[in-house]
Amino acid sequence: MYSITIDKVNKAFIANISGNVDVNQANVILKDFKNNAATINPKDYILIVNPENVSGNIFVFPILQSFLNLVAELKFKRIYLVNSDKNANLIEAASTLRFAGSVKEALNKH
């Protein structure tokens, strides 16, 4: 399951994802992310990625890499990864990456 929320008041683009993700779902999520990101100016927004108990098979990793490449291209103002202790091995930290314990904490740091 996933959801994407664009919070125009706090200038936050929030991507929540949970559960088992297969290749088809990962492609749908990536496409939806791109479409939603096209509706804002990412340089003015923070990105909050909130993965909760996400699992998937090895075939999802190339799609995850595509997601990370897209995030790098979009150049969000800052990037927050919620629950970073459990997910730190998923990404290489970029200069815009900040860690937050929750969506609320990321919004307050913004």
Protein backbone atom coordinates (compact mmCIF):
# COMPACT_ATOMS: atom_id res chain seq x y z
CA MET A 1 0.00 0.00 0.00
CA TYR A 2 1.20 3.51 -0.72
CA SER A 3 0.00 7.08 -0.73
CA ILE A 4 1.39 10.34 -1.95
CA THR A 5 0.32 13.58 -0.30
CA ILE A 6 1.25 17.07 -1.41
CA ASP A 7 1.00 19.39 1.60
CA LYS A 8 0.98 22.86 0.03
CA VAL A 9 0.79 24.63 3.40
CA ASN A 10 4.02 23.06 4.70
CA LYS A 11 5.49 22.67 1.20
CA ALA A 12 5.96 18.95 1.77
CA PHE A 13 5.71 16.03 -0.66
CA ILE A 14 5.00 12.97 1.48
CA ALA A 15 5.37 9.42 0.15
CA ASN A 16 4.09 6.68 2.46
CA ILE A 17 4.66 3.04 1.57
CA SER A 18 4.07 -0.15 3.51
CA GLY A 19 3.84 -3.89 3.09
CA ASN A 20 5.15 -6.20 0.42
CA VAL A 21 5.95 -4.52 -2.89
CA ASP A 22 6.18 -6.54 -6.09
CA VAL A 23 7.64 -5.35 -9.41
CA ASN A 24 4.29 -4.24 -10.85
CA GLN A 25 3.40 -2.28 -7.72
CA ALA A 26 6.86 -0.69 -7.62
CA ASN A 27 6.47 0.48 -11.22
CA VAL A 28 3.03 1.95 -10.46
CA ILE A 29 4.41 3.75 -7.39
CA LEU A 30 7.33 5.17 -9.41
CA LYS A 31 5.00 6.39 -12.18
CA ASP A 32 2.61 7.95 -9.66
CA PHE A 33 5.52 9.61 -7.87
CA LYS A 34 6.73 11.13 -11.17
CA ASN A 35 3.24 12.34 -12.09
CA ASN A 36 2.67 13.98 -8.69
CA ALA A 37 6.14 15.53 -8.64
CA ALA A 38 5.38 17.13 -12.01
CA THR A 39 2.60 19.16 -10.35
CA ILE A 40 4.98 21.05 -8.02
CA ASN A 41 8.36 22.78 -8.08
CA PRO A 42 10.42 20.27 -6.05
CA LYS A 43 13.06 22.90 -5.23
CA ASP A 44 10.44 24.60 -3.05
CA TYR A 45 9.34 21.38 -1.30
CA ILE A 46 10.77 18.93 1.17
CA LEU A 47 10.37 15.24 0.41
CA ILE A 48 9.38 12.90 3.22
CA VAL A 49 9.68 9.20 2.44
CA ASN A 50 7.89 7.11 5.05
CA PRO A 51 8.46 3.35 4.55
CA GLU A 52 6.75 1.12 7.11
CA ASN A 53 7.53 -2.60 7.17
CA VAL A 54 8.33 -2.60 3.46
CA SER A 55 9.47 -5.82 1.90
CA GLY A 56 10.03 -6.96 -1.65
CA ASN A 57 12.08 -9.30 -3.74
CA ILE A 58 15.40 -8.73 -5.48
CA PHE A 59 13.65 -7.70 -8.71
CA VAL A 60 12.36 -4.53 -7.03
CA PHE A 61 15.87 -3.15 -6.43
CA PRO A 62 16.36 -1.74 -9.98
CA ILE A 63 13.09 0.15 -9.57
CA LEU A 64 14.29 1.45 -6.19
CA GLN A 65 17.46 2.65 -7.90
CA SER A 66 15.31 4.42 -10.53
CA PHE A 67 13.37 6.07 -7.70
CA LEU A 68 16.58 7.29 -6.05
CA ASN A 69 17.87 8.61 -9.37
CA LEU A 70 14.59 10.46 -9.92
CA VAL A 71 14.74 11.97 -6.44
CA ALA A 72 18.30 13.18 -7.14
CA GLU A 73 17.19 14.74 -10.45
CA LEU A 74 14.22 16.53 -8.91
CA LYS A 75 16.39 18.34 -6.34
CA PHE A 76 13.94 18.64 -3.48
CA LYS A 77 14.77 21.33 -0.92
CA ARG A 78 15.47 18.61 1.65
CA ILE A 79 14.84 14.89 1.87
CA TYR A 80 13.70 13.11 5.01
CA LEU A 81 13.60 9.36 5.47
CA VAL A 82 11.30 8.40 8.33
CA ASN A 83 12.45 5.61 10.66
CA SER A 84 15.96 5.90 9.27
CA ASP A 85 17.61 3.36 11.60
CA LYS A 86 15.74 0.50 9.91
CA ASN A 87 16.13 1.83 6.37
CA ALA A 88 19.58 3.41 6.29
CA ASN A 89 20.98 0.64 4.12
CA LEU A 90 18.45 1.39 1.36
CA ILE A 91 20.08 4.60 0.17
CA GLU A 92 23.33 6.48 0.05
CA ALA A 93 22.94 9.78 1.85
CA ALA A 94 22.93 12.88 -0.32
CA SER A 95 23.72 16.38 0.89
CA THR A 96 20.00 17.21 0.99
CA LEU A 97 19.05 14.12 3.00
CA ARG A 98 17.86 14.65 6.57
CA PHE A 99 16.53 11.97 8.91
CA ALA A 100 13.32 12.23 10.89
CA GLY A 101 11.57 9.94 13.34
CA SER A 102 8.12 10.76 11.96
CA VAL A 103 6.32 12.83 9.35
CA LYS A 104 5.45 15.38 12.05
CA GLU A 105 9.10 15.73 13.08
CA ALA A 106 10.15 16.29 9.45
CA LEU A 107 7.47 18.95 9.04
CA ASN A 108 8.66 20.67 12.25
CA LYS A 109 12.30 20.60 11.08
CA HIS A 110 11.29 22.17 7.79
